[in-house]
PDB file of N, CA and C in Angstrom:
ATOM      1  N   MET A   1       0.807  -1.118  -0.049  1.00  0.00           N
ATOM      2  CA  MET A   1      -0.019   0.027  -0.043  1.00  0.00           C
ATOM      3  C   MET A   1       0.868   1.250  -0.018  1.00  0.00           C
ATOM      4  N   LYS A   2       0.466   2.222  -0.698  1.00  0.00           N
ATOM      5  CA  LYS A   2       1.165   3.532  -0.938  1.00  0.00           C
ATOM      6  C   LYS A   2       1.442   4.159   0.448  1.00  0.00           C
ATOM      7  N   GLY A   3       2.611   4.811   0.577  1.00  0.00           N
ATOM      8  CA  GLY A   3       2.974   5.492   1.852  1.00  0.00           C
ATOM      9  C   GLY A   3       3.586   6.870   1.580  1.00  0.00           C
ATOM     10  N   TYR A   4       3.591   7.695   2.568  1.00  0.00           N
ATOM     11  CA  TYR A   4       4.127   9.028   2.506  1.00  0.00           C
ATOM     12  C   TYR A   4       5.072   9.260   3.740  1.00  0.00           C
ATOM     13  N   VAL A   5       6.147   9.981   3.527  1.00  0.00           N
ATOM     14  CA  VAL A   5       6.888  10.619   4.502  1.00  0.00           C
ATOM     15  C   VAL A   5       6.676  12.097   4.452  1.00  0.00           C
ATOM     16  N   TYR A   6       6.654  12.819   5.528  1.00  0.00           N
ATOM     17  CA  TYR A   6       6.311  14.289   5.467  1.00  0.00           C
ATOM     18  C   TYR A   6       7.093  14.955   6.541  1.00  0.00           C
ATOM     19  N   ILE A   7       7.324  16.326   6.343  1.00  0.00           N
ATOM     20  CA  ILE A   7       7.997  17.123   7.308  1.00  0.00           C
ATOM     21  C   ILE A   7       6.979  18.283   7.595  1.00  0.00           C
ATOM     22  N   LEU A   8       6.640  18.464   8.856  1.00  0.00           N
ATOM     23  CA  LEU A   8       5.877  19.610   9.221  1.00  0.00           C
ATOM     24  C   LEU A   8       6.675  20.654   9.943  1.00  0.00           C
ATOM     25  N   GLU A   9       6.431  21.920   9.685  1.00  0.00           N
ATOM     26  CA  GLU A   9       7.061  22.991  10.448  1.00  0.00           C
ATOM     27  C   GLU A   9       6.072  23.506  11.455  1.00  0.00           C
ATOM     28  N   CYS A  10       6.520  23.411  12.731  1.00  0.00           N
ATOM     29  CA  CYS A  10       5.681  23.821  13.764  1.00  0.00           C
ATOM     30  C   CYS A  10       5.683  25.350  13.960  1.00  0.00           C
ATOM     31  N   VAL A  11       4.858  25.996  14.640  1.00  0.00           N
ATOM     32  CA  VAL A  11       4.768  27.382  14.874  1.00  0.00           C
ATOM     33  C   VAL A  11       5.991  27.918  15.526  1.00  0.00           C
ATOM     34  N   ASN A  12       6.731  27.208  16.312  1.00  0.00           N
ATOM     35  CA  ASN A  12       7.955  27.706  16.942  1.00  0.00           C
ATOM     36  C   ASN A  12       9.193  27.327  16.130  1.00  0.00           C
ATOM     37  N   GLY A  13       8.951  26.835  14.842  1.00  0.00           N
ATOM     38  CA  GLY A  13      10.110  26.617  13.892  1.00  0.00           C
ATOM     39  C   GLY A  13      10.649  25.216  13.951  1.00  0.00           C
ATOM     40  N   TYR A  14      10.258  24.389  14.892  1.00  0.00           N
ATOM     41  CA  TYR A  14      10.732  22.983  15.018  1.00  0.00           C
ATOM     42  C   TYR A  14      10.168  22.233  13.889  1.00  0.00           C
ATOM     43  N   TYR A  15      10.824  21.184  13.420  1.00  0.00           N
ATOM     44  CA  TYR A  15      10.429  20.312  12.296  1.00  0.00           C
ATOM     45  C   TYR A  15       9.955  18.924  13.031  1.00  0.00           C
ATOM     46  N   TYR A  16       8.881  18.484  12.420  1.00  0.00           N
ATOM     47  CA  TYR A  16       8.369  17.095  12.776  1.00  0.00           C
ATOM     48  C   TYR A  16       8.378  16.241  11.524  1.00  0.00           C
ATOM     49  N   VAL A  17       8.973  15.079  11.606  1.00  0.00           N
ATOM     50  CA  VAL A  17       9.074  14.171  10.445  1.00  0.00           C
ATOM     51  C   VAL A  17       8.227  12.936  10.915  1.00  0.00           C
ATOM     52  N   GLY A  18       7.250  12.586   9.899  1.00  0.00           N
ATOM     53  CA  GLY A  18       6.389  11.461  10.188  1.00  0.00           C
ATOM     54  C   GLY A  18       6.143  10.624   8.950  1.00  0.00           C
ATOM     55  N   SER A  19       5.433   9.536   8.985  1.00  0.00           N
ATOM     56  CA  SER A  19       5.112   8.760   7.835  1.00  0.00           C
ATOM     57  C   SER A  19       3.656   8.234   8.025  1.00  0.00           C
ATOM     58  N   THR A  20       2.984   7.984   6.896  1.00  0.00           N
ATOM     59  CA  THR A  20       1.607   7.581   6.989  1.00  0.00           C
ATOM     60  C   THR A  20       1.115   6.932   5.759  1.00  0.00           C
ATOM     61  N   LYS A  21       0.056   6.322   5.804  1.00  0.00           N
ATOM     62  CA  LYS A  21      -0.630   5.759   4.540  1.00  0.00           C
ATOM     63  C   LYS A  21      -1.491   6.769   3.875  1.00  0.00           C
ATOM     64  N   TYR A  22      -2.047   7.733   4.744  1.00  0.00           N
ATOM     65  CA  TYR A  22      -3.072   8.658   4.265  1.00  0.00           C
ATOM     66  C   TYR A  22      -2.644  10.111   4.629  1.00  0.00           C
ATOM     67  N   LEU A  23      -1.991  10.736   3.693  1.00  0.00           N
ATOM     68  CA  LEU A  23      -1.309  12.102   4.031  1.00  0.00           C
ATOM     69  C   LEU A  23      -2.357  13.119   4.421  1.00  0.00           C
ATOM     70  N   LYS A  24      -3.307  13.353   3.668  1.00  0.00           N
ATOM     71  CA  LYS A  24      -4.306  14.475   4.054  1.00  0.00           C
ATOM     72  C   LYS A  24      -4.981  14.240   5.343  1.00  0.00           C
ATOM     73  N   GLN A  25      -5.413  12.982   5.513  1.00  0.00           N
ATOM     74  CA  GLN A  25      -6.010  12.706   6.764  1.00  0.00           C
ATOM     75  C   GLN A  25      -5.037  12.862   8.060  1.00  0.00           C
ATOM     76  N   ARG A  26      -3.841  12.459   7.798  1.00  0.00           N
ATOM     77  CA  ARG A  26      -2.841  12.610   8.955  1.00  0.00           C
ATOM     78  C   ARG A  26      -2.577  14.076   9.165  1.00  0.00           C
ATOM     79  N   ILE A  27      -2.412  14.836   8.117  1.00  0.00           N
ATOM     80  CA  ILE A  27      -2.085  16.335   8.319  1.00  0.00           C
ATOM     81  C   ILE A  27      -3.365  16.920   9.111  1.00  0.00           C
ATOM     82  N   ARG A  28      -4.526  16.563   8.707  1.00  0.00           N
ATOM     83  CA  ARG A  28      -5.761  17.146   9.405  1.00  0.00           C
ATOM     84  C   ARG A  28      -5.610  16.684  10.902  1.00  0.00           C
ATOM     85  N   GLU A  29      -5.319  15.490  11.144  1.00  0.00           N
ATOM     86  CA  GLU A  29      -5.249  15.070  12.548  1.00  0.00           C
ATOM     87  C   GLU A  29      -4.294  15.880  13.290  1.00  0.00           C
ATOM     88  N   HIS A  30      -3.134  16.177  12.729  1.00  0.00           N
ATOM     89  CA  HIS A  30      -2.147  17.044  13.343  1.00  0.00           C
ATOM     90  C   HIS A  30      -2.698  18.425  13.637  1.00  0.00           C
ATOM     91  N   GLN A  31      -3.349  19.003  12.663  1.00  0.00           N
ATOM     92  CA  GLN A  31      -3.993  20.355  12.771  1.00  0.00           C
ATOM     93  C   GLN A  31      -5.073  20.288  13.754  1.00  0.00           C
ATOM     94  N   ASP A  32      -5.818  19.230  14.001  1.00  0.00           N
ATOM     95  CA  ASP A  32      -6.826  19.175  14.964  1.00  0.00           C
ATOM     96  C   ASP A  32      -6.318  18.807  16.326  1.00  0.00           C
ATOM     97  N   GLY A  33      -5.041  18.703  16.548  1.00  0.00           N
ATOM     98  CA  GLY A  33      -4.425  18.401  17.830  1.00  0.00           C
ATOM     99  C   GLY A  33      -4.518  16.923  18.141  1.00  0.00           C
ATOM    100  N   LEU A  34      -4.845  16.004  17.153  1.00  0.00           N
ATOM    101  CA  LEU A  34      -5.052  14.617  17.387  1.00  0.00           C
ATOM    102  C   LEU A  34      -3.778  13.852  16.876  1.00  0.00           C
ATOM    103  N   GLY A  35      -2.726  14.556  16.455  1.00  0.00           N
ATOM    104  CA  GLY A  35      -1.534  13.894  15.864  1.00  0.00           C
ATOM    105  C   GLY A  35      -0.613  13.439  16.999  1.00  0.00           C
ATOM    106  N   ALA A  36       0.662  13.419  16.657  1.00  0.00           N
ATOM    107  CA  ALA A  36       1.653  12.946  17.711  1.00  0.00           C
ATOM    108  C   ALA A  36       1.741  13.895  18.883  1.00  0.00           C
ATOM    109  N   ASN A  37       2.239  13.367  19.969  1.00  0.00           N
ATOM    110  CA  ASN A  37       2.400  14.294  21.091  1.00  0.00           C
ATOM    111  C   ASN A  37       3.266  15.412  20.872  1.00  0.00           C
ATOM    112  N   PHE A  38       4.252  15.281  20.100  1.00  0.00           N
ATOM    113  CA  PHE A  38       5.172  16.361  19.796  1.00  0.00           C
ATOM    114  C   PHE A  38       4.480  17.470  19.079  1.00  0.00           C
ATOM    115  N   THR A  39       3.717  17.118  18.033  1.00  0.00           N
ATOM    116  CA  THR A  39       2.917  18.218  17.336  1.00  0.00           C
ATOM    117  C   THR A  39       1.827  18.899  18.207  1.00  0.00           C
ATOM    118  N   HIS A  40       1.244  18.049  19.036  1.00  0.00           N
ATOM    119  CA  HIS A  40       0.301  18.589  19.921  1.00  0.00           C
ATOM    120  C   HIS A  40       0.753  19.694  20.845  1.00  0.00           C
ATOM    121  N   LYS A  41       2.054  19.530  21.223  1.00  0.00           N
ATOM    122  CA  LYS A  41       2.688  20.533  22.141  1.00  0.00           C
ATOM    123  C   LYS A  41       3.181  21.753  21.324  1.00  0.00           C
ATOM    124  N   HIS A  42       3.541  21.554  19.979  1.00  0.00           N
ATOM    125  CA  HIS A  42       4.040  22.606  19.192  1.00  0.00           C
ATOM    126  C   HIS A  42       3.062  23.075  18.159  1.00  0.00           C
ATOM    127  N   PHE A  43       1.788  23.125  18.436  1.00  0.00           N
ATOM    128  CA  PHE A  43       0.787  23.374  17.628  1.00  0.00           C
ATOM    129  C   PHE A  43       0.719  24.862  17.275  1.00  0.00           C
ATOM    130  N   PRO A  44       0.253  25.380  16.156  1.00  0.00           N
ATOM    131  CA  PRO A  44      -0.072  24.753  14.919  1.00  0.00           C
ATOM    132  C   PRO A  44       1.145  24.477  14.028  1.00  0.00           C
ATOM    133  N   MET A  45       0.927  23.779  12.939  1.00  0.00           N
ATOM    134  CA  MET A  45       2.099  23.467  12.067  1.00  0.00           C
ATOM    135  C   MET A  45       1.562  23.521  10.638  1.00  0.00           C
ATOM    136  N   LYS A  46       2.500  23.441   9.706  1.00  0.00           N
ATOM    137  CA  LYS A  46       2.189  23.432   8.326  1.00  0.00           C
ATOM    138  C   LYS A  46       3.052  22.396   7.595  1.00  0.00           C
ATOM    139  N   LEU A  47       2.466  21.720   6.566  1.00  0.00           N
ATOM    140  CA  LEU A  47       3.121  20.821   5.741  1.00  0.00           C
ATOM    141  C   LEU A  47       4.198  21.590   4.873  1.00  0.00           C
ATOM    142  N   VAL A  48       5.506  21.225   5.004  1.00  0.00           N
ATOM    143  CA  VAL A  48       6.475  21.905   4.252  1.00  0.00           C
ATOM    144  C   VAL A  48       7.147  20.876   3.128  1.00  0.00           C
ATOM    145  N   TYR A  49       6.946  19.580   3.324  1.00  0.00           N
ATOM    146  CA  TYR A  49       7.728  18.668   2.455  1.00  0.00           C
ATOM    147  C   TYR A  49       6.964  17.316   2.555  1.00  0.00           C
ATOM    148  N   PHE A  50       6.995  16.562   1.402  1.00  0.00           N
ATOM    149  CA  PHE A  50       6.604  15.212   1.530  1.00  0.00           C
ATOM    150  C   PHE A  50       7.131  14.410   0.314  1.00  0.00           C
ATOM    151  N   GLU A  51       7.212  13.107   0.479  1.00  0.00           N
ATOM    152  CA  GLU A  51       7.640  12.166  -0.556  1.00  0.00           C
ATOM    153  C   GLU A  51       6.681  11.009  -0.509  1.00  0.00           C
ATOM    154  N   THR A  52       6.465  10.428  -1.776  1.00  0.00           N
ATOM    155  CA  THR A  52       5.571   9.405  -1.978  1.00  0.00           C
ATOM    156  C   THR A  52       6.256   8.061  -2.277  1.00  0.00           C
ATOM    157  N   TYR A  53       5.760   7.000  -1.635  1.00  0.00           N
ATOM    158  CA  TYR A  53       6.555   5.598  -1.782  1.00  0.00           C
ATOM    159  C   TYR A  53       5.492   4.646  -2.137  1.00  0.00           C
ATOM    160  N   LYS A  54       5.946   3.589  -2.843  1.00  0.00           N
ATOM    161  CA  LYS A  54       5.007   2.433  -3.246  1.00  0.00           C
ATOM    162  C   LYS A  54       4.510   1.694  -2.018  1.00  0.00           C
ATOM    163  N   GLU A  55       5.312   1.636  -1.033  1.00  0.00           N
ATOM    164  CA  GLU A  55       4.920   0.887   0.223  1.00  0.00           C
ATOM    165  C   GLU A  55       5.172   1.705   1.415  1.00  0.00           C
ATOM    166  N   VAL A  56       4.290   1.646   2.366  1.00  0.00           N
ATOM    167  CA  VAL A  56       4.374   2.445   3.593  1.00  0.00           C
ATOM    168  C   VAL A  56       5.617   2.109   4.407  1.00  0.00           C
ATOM    169  N   ALA A  57       6.104   0.816   4.278  1.00  0.00           N
ATOM    170  CA  ALA A  57       7.336   0.406   4.914  1.00  0.00           C
ATOM    171  C   ALA A  57       8.564   1.272   4.334  1.00  0.00           C
ATOM    172  N   GLU A  58       8.577   1.518   3.155  1.00  0.00           N
ATOM    173  CA  GLU A  58       9.672   2.450   2.616  1.00  0.00           C
ATOM    174  C   GLU A  58       9.589   3.836   3.093  1.00  0.00           C
ATOM    175  N   ALA A  59       8.370   4.292   3.217  1.00  0.00           N
ATOM    176  CA  ALA A  59       8.151   5.677   3.871  1.00  0.00           C
ATOM    177  C   ALA A  59       8.601   5.725   5.324  1.00  0.00           C
ATOM    178  N   PHE A  60       8.333   4.573   6.086  1.00  0.00           N
ATOM    179  CA  PHE A  60       8.783   4.446   7.412  1.00  0.00           C
ATOM    180  C   PHE A  60      10.273   4.502   7.554  1.00  0.00           C
ATOM    181  N   ASP A  61      10.884   3.766   6.688  1.00  0.00           N
ATOM    182  CA  ASP A  61      12.383   3.654   6.615  1.00  0.00           C
ATOM    183  C   ASP A  61      13.003   5.118   6.427  1.00  0.00           C
ATOM    184  N   ARG A  62      12.354   5.774   5.460  1.00  0.00           N
ATOM    185  CA  ARG A  62      12.859   7.136   5.075  1.00  0.00           C
ATOM    186  C   ARG A  62      12.591   8.100   6.292  1.00  0.00           C
ATOM    187  N   GLU A  63      11.443   7.886   6.847  1.00  0.00           N
ATOM    188  CA  GLU A  63      11.158   8.694   8.050  1.00  0.00           C
ATOM    189  C   GLU A  63      12.330   8.632   9.096  1.00  0.00           C
ATOM    190  N   LYS A  64      12.763   7.512   9.408  1.00  0.00           N
ATOM    191  CA  LYS A  64      13.738   7.153  10.356  1.00  0.00           C
ATOM    192  C   LYS A  64      15.055   7.830   9.954  1.00  0.00           C
ATOM    193  N   GLN A  65      15.391   7.804   8.634  1.00  0.00           N
ATOM    194  CA  GLN A  65      16.566   8.332   8.148  1.00  0.00           C
ATOM    195  C   GLN A  65      16.490   9.951   8.274  1.00  0.00           C
ATOM    196  N   LEU A  66      15.399  10.523   7.907  1.00  0.00           N
ATOM    197  CA  LEU A  66      15.177  11.995   7.975  1.00  0.00           C
ATOM    198  C   LEU A  66      15.252  12.511   9.402  1.00  0.00           C
ATOM    199  N   GLN A  67      14.669  11.701  10.385  1.00  0.00           N
ATOM    200  CA  GLN A  67      14.708  12.088  11.754  1.00  0.00           C
ATOM    201  C   GLN A  67      16.094  12.238  12.305  1.00  0.00           C
ATOM    202  N   GLY A  68      17.047  11.466  11.735  1.00  0.00           N
ATOM    203  CA  GLY A  68      18.478  11.541  12.116  1.00  0.00           C
ATOM    204  C   GLY A  68      19.229  12.751  11.577  1.00  0.00           C
ATOM    205  N   TRP A  69      18.577  13.432  10.589  1.00  0.00           N
ATOM    206  CA  TRP A  69      19.315  14.488   9.938  1.00  0.00           C
ATOM    207  C   TRP A  69      19.294  15.787  10.780  1.00  0.00           C
ATOM    208  N   SER A  70      20.291  16.582  10.518  1.00  0.00           N
ATOM    209  CA  SER A  70      20.386  17.927  11.116  1.00  0.00           C
ATOM    210  C   SER A  70      19.328  18.854  10.590  1.00  0.00           C
ATOM    211  N   ARG A  71      19.116  19.976  11.237  1.00  0.00           N
ATOM    212  CA  ARG A  71      18.077  20.962  10.804  1.00  0.00           C
ATOM    213  C   ARG A  71      18.548  21.468   9.456  1.00  0.00           C
ATOM    214  N   LYS A  72      19.821  21.750   9.283  1.00  0.00           N
ATOM    215  CA  LYS A  72      20.338  22.412   7.984  1.00  0.00           C
ATOM    216  C   LYS A  72      20.101  21.348   6.830  1.00  0.00           C
ATOM    217  N   LYS A  73      20.340  20.075   7.131  1.00  0.00           N
ATOM    218  CA  LYS A  73      20.086  19.050   6.056  1.00  0.00           C
ATOM    219  C   LYS A  73      18.630  18.887   5.718  1.00  0.00           C
ATOM    220  N   LYS A  74      17.750  18.935   6.762  1.00  0.00           N
ATOM    221  CA  LYS A  74      16.368  18.964   6.444  1.00  0.00           C
ATOM    222  C   LYS A  74      15.947  20.141   5.577  1.00  0.00           C
ATOM    223  N   GLU A  75      16.457  21.324   5.918  1.00  0.00           N
ATOM    224  CA  GLU A  75      16.106  22.502   5.229  1.00  0.00           C
ATOM    225  C   GLU A  75      16.545  22.473   3.760  1.00  0.00           C
ATOM    226  N   ALA A  76      17.732  21.887   3.525  1.00  0.00           N
ATOM    227  CA  ALA A  76      18.279  21.745   2.154  1.00  0.00           C
ATOM    228  C   ALA A  76      17.249  20.913   1.372  1.00  0.00           C
ATOM    229  N   LEU A  77      16.727  19.793   1.971  1.00  0.00           N
ATOM    230  CA  LEU A  77      15.775  18.904   1.262  1.00  0.00           C
ATOM    231  C   LEU A  77      14.465  19.664   1.052  1.00  0.00           C
ATOM    232  N   ILE A  78      14.052  20.383   2.044  1.00  0.00           N
ATOM    233  CA  ILE A  78      12.745  21.145   2.011  1.00  0.00           C
ATOM    234  C   ILE A  78      12.726  22.159   0.890  1.00  0.00           C
ATOM    235  N   TYR A  79      13.902  22.819   0.771  1.00  0.00           N
ATOM    236  CA  TYR A  79      14.012  23.966  -0.165  1.00  0.00           C
ATOM    237  C   TYR A  79      14.546  23.520  -1.500  1.00  0.00           C
ATOM    238  N   GLY A  80      14.731  22.234  -1.670  1.00  0.00           N
ATOM    239  CA  GLY A  80      15.115  21.726  -3.037  1.00  0.00           C
ATOM    240  C   GLY A  80      16.646  21.891  -3.300  1.00  0.00           C
ATOM    241  N   HIS A  81      17.423  21.950  -2.245  1.00  0.00           N
ATOM    242  CA  HIS A  81      18.866  22.084  -2.504  1.00  0.00           C
ATOM    243  C   HIS A  81      19.629  20.662  -2.280  1.00  0.00           C
ATOM    244  N   GLU A  82      19.206  19.797  -3.021  1.00  0.00           N
ATOM    245  CA  GLU A  82      19.710  18.443  -2.910  1.00  0.00           C
ATOM    246  C   GLU A  82      21.196  18.295  -3.142  1.00  0.00           C
ATOM    247  N   ASP A  83      21.727  19.278  -3.902  1.00  0.00           N
ATOM    248  CA  ASP A  83      23.240  19.278  -4.157  1.00  0.00           C
ATOM    249  C   ASP A  83      23.950  19.621  -2.914  1.00  0.00           C
ATOM    250  N   MET A  84      23.393  20.230  -1.831  1.00  0.00           N
ATOM    251  CA  MET A  84      24.041  20.399  -0.599  1.00  0.00           C
ATOM    252  C   MET A  84      24.097  19.210   0.344  1.00  0.00           C
ATOM    253  N   LEU A  85      23.281  18.390   0.048  1.00  0.00           N
ATOM    254  CA  LEU A  85      23.066  17.216   0.975  1.00  0.00           C
ATOM    255  C   LEU A  85      24.471  16.475   1.356  1.00  0.00           C
ATOM    256  N   PRO A  86      25.182  15.993   0.277  1.00  0.00           N
ATOM    257  CA  PRO A  86      26.464  15.464   0.697  1.00  0.00           C
ATOM    258  C   PRO A  86      27.399  16.159   1.597  1.00  0.00           C
ATOM    259  N   ALA A  87      27.628  17.509   1.389  1.00  0.00           N
ATOM    260  CA  ALA A  87      28.434  18.338   2.176  1.00  0.00           C
ATOM    261  C   ALA A  87      27.808  18.385   3.669  1.00  0.00           C
ATOM    262  N   LEU A  88      26.475  18.448   3.773  1.00  0.00           N
ATOM    263  CA  LEU A  88      25.899  18.549   5.016  1.00  0.00           C
ATOM    264  C   LEU A  88      25.838  17.296   5.853  1.00  0.00           C
ATOM    265  N   ALA A  89      26.045  16.161   5.036  1.00  0.00           N
ATOM    266  CA  ALA A  89      26.087  14.870   5.684  1.00  0.00           C
ATOM    267  C   ALA A  89      27.442  14.506   6.276  1.00  0.00           C
ATOM    268  N   SER A  90      28.521  15.144   5.911  1.00  0.00           N
ATOM    269  CA  SER A  90      29.812  14.825   6.420  1.00  0.00           C
ATOM    270  C   SER A  90      29.982  15.159   7.826  1.00  0.00           C
ATOM    271  N   CYS A  91      30.594  14.412   8.554  1.00  0.00           N
ATOM    272  CA  CYS A  91      30.956  14.574   9.992  1.00  0.00           C
ATOM    273  C   CYS A  91      32.005  15.645  10.166  1.00  0.00           C
ATOM    274  N   LYS A  92      31.716  16.545  11.058  1.00  0.00           N
ATOM    275  CA  LYS A  92      32.681  17.677  11.198  1.00  0.00           C
ATOM    276  C   LYS A  92      33.217  17.742  12.626  1.00  0.00           C
ATOM    277  N   ASN A  93      32.982  16.798  13.494  1.00  0.00           N
ATOM    278  CA  ASN A  93      33.311  16.922  14.807  1.00  0.00           C
ATOM    279  C   ASN A  93      34.804  16.272  14.986  1.00  0.00           C
ATOM    280  N   LYS A  94      35.329  16.376  16.132  1.00  0.00           N
ATOM    281  CA  LYS A  94      36.714  15.973  16.427  1.00  0.00           C
ATOM    282  C   LYS A  94      36.825  14.435  16.389  1.00  0.00           C
ATOM    283  N   THR A  95      35.715  13.661  16.388  1.00  0.00           N
ATOM    284  CA  THR A  95      35.885  12.217  16.401  1.00  0.00           C
ATOM    285  C   THR A  95      35.626  11.640  14.967  1.00  0.00           C
ATOM    286  N   SER A  96      35.561  12.513  13.978  1.00  0.00           N
ATOM    287  CA  SER A  96      35.199  12.167  12.618  1.00  0.00           C
ATOM    288  C   SER A  96      36.339  11.244  12.104  1.00  0.00           C
ATOM    289  N   HIS A  97      35.977  10.183  11.474  1.00  0.00           N
ATOM    290  CA  HIS A  97      36.949   9.216  10.937  1.00  0.00           C
ATOM    291  C   HIS A  97      37.939   9.886   9.909  1.00  0.00           C
ATOM    292  N   ARG A  98      37.424  10.832   9.243  1.00  0.00           N
ATOM    293  CA  ARG A  98      38.265  11.495   8.173  1.00  0.00           C
ATOM    294  C   ARG A  98      39.298  12.185   8.992  1.00  0.00           C
ATOM    295  N   LEU A  99      38.969  13.021  10.056  1.00  0.00           N
ATOM    296  CA  LEU A  99      39.920  13.786  10.881  1.00  0.00           C
ATOM    297  C   LEU A  99      40.929  12.822  11.461  1.00  0.00           C
ATOM    298  N   TYR A 100      40.407  11.722  11.992  1.00  0.00           N
ATOM    299  CA  TYR A 100      41.351  10.738  12.661  1.00  0.00           C
ATOM    300  C   TYR A 100      42.381  10.163  11.655  1.00  0.00           C
ATOM    301  N   ARG A 101      41.930   9.905  10.462  1.00  0.00           N
ATOM    302  CA  ARG A 101      42.916   9.331   9.350  1.00  0.00           C
ATOM    303  C   ARG A 101      43.923  10.464   9.124  1.00  0.00           C
ATOM    304  N   LYS A 102      43.452  11.660   9.014  1.00  0.00           N
ATOM    305  CA  LYS A 102      44.363  12.875   8.678  1.00  0.00           C
ATOM    306  C   LYS A 102      45.455  12.970   9.801  1.00  0.00           C
ATOM    307  N   LEU A 103      44.990  12.930  11.048  1.00  0.00           N
ATOM    308  CA  LEU A 103      45.927  13.002  12.145  1.00  0.00           C
ATOM    309  C   LEU A 103      46.824  11.902  12.275  1.00  0.00           C
ATOM    310  N   SER A 104      46.408  10.653  11.918  1.00  0.00           N
ATOM    311  CA  SER A 104      47.264   9.510  11.871  1.00  0.00           C
ATOM    312  C   SER A 104      48.299   9.610  10.830  1.00  0.00           C
ATOM    313  N   ARG A 105      47.913  10.193   9.685  1.00  0.00           N
ATOM    314  CA  ARG A 105      48.919  10.390   8.578  1.00  0.00           C
ATOM    315  C   ARG A 105      50.012  11.344   8.979  1.00  0.00           C
ATOM    316  N   GLN A 106      49.511  12.439   9.612  1.00  0.00           N
ATOM    317  CA  GLN A 106      50.455  13.459  10.122  1.00  0.00           C
ATOM    318  C   GLN A 106      51.359  12.900  11.158  1.00  0.00           C
ATOM    319  N   LYS A 107      50.893  12.105  12.027  1.00  0.00           N
ATOM    320  CA  LYS A 107      51.724  11.443  12.979  1.00  0.00           C
ATOM    321  C   LYS A 107      52.683  10.502  12.453  1.00  0.00           C
ATOM    322  N   ASP A 108      52.320   9.735  11.418  1.00  0.00           N
ATOM    323  CA  ASP A 108      53.215   8.802  10.746  1.00  0.00           C
ATOM    324  C   ASP A 108      54.382   9.541  10.164  1.00  0.00           C
ATOM    325  N   ASN A 109      54.112  10.728   9.632  1.00  0.00           N
ATOM    326  CA  ASN A 109      55.103  11.559   8.974  1.00  0.00           C
ATOM    327  C   ASN A 109      55.924  12.473   9.805  1.00  0.00           C
ATOM    328  N   SER A 110      55.649  12.322  11.132  1.00  0.00           N
ATOM    329  CA  SER A 110      56.370  13.258  12.001  1.00  0.00           C
ATOM    330  C   SER A 110      57.727  12.731  12.322  1.00  0.00           C
ATOM    331  N   ASP A 111      58.562  13.594  12.868  1.00  0.00           N
ATOM    332  CA  ASP A 111      59.918  13.214  13.199  1.00  0.00           C
ATOM    333  C   ASP A 111      59.968  12.343  14.422  1.00  0.00           C
ATOM    334  N   PRO A 112      60.412  11.143  14.261  1.00  0.00           N
ATOM    335  CA  PRO A 112      60.416  10.157  15.441  1.00  0.00           C
ATOM    336  C   PRO A 112      61.307  10.601  16.592  1.00  0.00           C
ATOM    337  N   SER A 113      62.228  11.495  16.333  1.00  0.00           N
ATOM    338  CA  SER A 113      63.175  11.890  17.380  1.00  0.00           C
ATOM    339  C   SER A 113      62.467  12.968  18.376  1.00  0.00           C
ATOM    340  N   GLN A 114      61.373  13.476  17.907  1.00  0.00           N
ATOM    341  CA  GLN A 114      60.640  14.530  18.681  1.00  0.00           C
ATOM    342  C   GLN A 114      59.521  13.841  19.523  1.00  0.00           C
ATOM    343  N   PRO A 115      59.384  14.202  20.772  1.00  0.00           N
ATOM    344  CA  PRO A 115      58.403  13.556  21.537  1.00  0.00           C
ATOM    345  C   PRO A 115      57.016  13.999  21.137  1.00  0.00           C
ATOM    346  N   GLU A 116      56.027  13.150  21.269  1.00  0.00           N
ATOM    347  CA  GLU A 116      54.722  13.441  20.807  1.00  0.00           C
ATOM    348  C   GLU A 116      53.987  14.369  21.882  1.00  0.00           C
ATOM    349  N   ASN A 117      53.330  15.331  21.445  1.00  0.00           N
ATOM    350  CA  ASN A 117      52.478  16.199  22.218  1.00  0.00           C
ATOM    351  C   ASN A 117      51.176  15.516  22.486  1.00  0.00           C
ATOM    352  N   PRO A 118      50.943  15.202  23.704  1.00  0.00           N
ATOM    353  CA  PRO A 118      49.583  14.448  24.019  1.00  0.00           C
ATOM    354  C   PRO A 118      48.424  15.297  23.903  1.00  0.00           C
ATOM    355  N   ASN A 119      48.556  16.649  23.799  1.00  0.00           N
ATOM    356  CA  ASN A 119      47.498  17.551  23.707  1.00  0.00           C
ATOM    357  C   ASN A 119      47.772  18.548  22.537  1.00  0.00           C
ATOM    358  N   PRO A 120      47.510  18.196  21.291  1.00  0.00           N
ATOM    359  CA  PRO A 120      47.818  19.042  20.182  1.00  0.00           C
ATOM    360  C   PRO A 120      47.217  20.370  20.190  1.00  0.00           C
ATOM    361  N   SER A 121      46.199  20.638  20.926  1.00  0.00           N
ATOM    362  CA  SER A 121      45.567  21.857  21.028  1.00  0.00           C
ATOM    363  C   SER A 121      46.296  22.913  21.876  1.00  0.00           C
ATOM    364  N   VAL A 122      47.275  22.361  22.639  1.00  0.00           N
ATOM    365  CA  VAL A 122      48.084  23.277  23.534  1.00  0.00           C
ATOM    366  C   VAL A 122      49.392  23.361  22.789  1.00  0.00           C
ATOM    367  N   ALA A 123      49.762  24.593  22.531  1.00  0.00           N
ATOM    368  CA  ALA A 123      51.017  24.925  21.874  1.00  0.00           C
ATOM    369  C   ALA A 123      52.258  24.597  22.804  1.00  0.00           C
ATOM    370  N   GLU A 124      53.301  23.983  22.057  1.00  0.00           N
ATOM    371  CA  GLU A 124      54.534  23.837  22.927  1.00  0.00           C
ATOM    372  C   GLU A 124      55.428  24.956  22.711  1.00  0.00           C
ATOM    373  N   ASP A 125      56.301  25.266  23.669  1.00  0.00           N
ATOM    374  CA  ASP A 125      57.243  26.395  23.580  1.00  0.00           C
ATOM    375  C   ASP A 125      58.558  25.870  22.881  1.00  0.00           C
TER     376      ASP A 125
END
């Protein structure tokens, strides 16, 4: 059975991601305060994005994926900037596997006669 994944923007600017078999009915339920607990607390809201799938299970899987996305990544999708999604998907924190590999290569190329600085954010004299 056909399914939908959708994004609602709540009055306070929060995004809610959901999936359903019946999009119009589900949006009406949210508007009437009968939707999810989250949207009931952040009422009212408007539909800002949706996708259609052949099976509701596919829509549910996509819902879970979108729920894990950052606000900026969701907004790129909402506003049709799909070209920005790969850049927004890359990890930018200090535990990123890319950063770890870069630091490992730098360490491998360092002078073995020099002691290793255990805290590279602190400059040595």
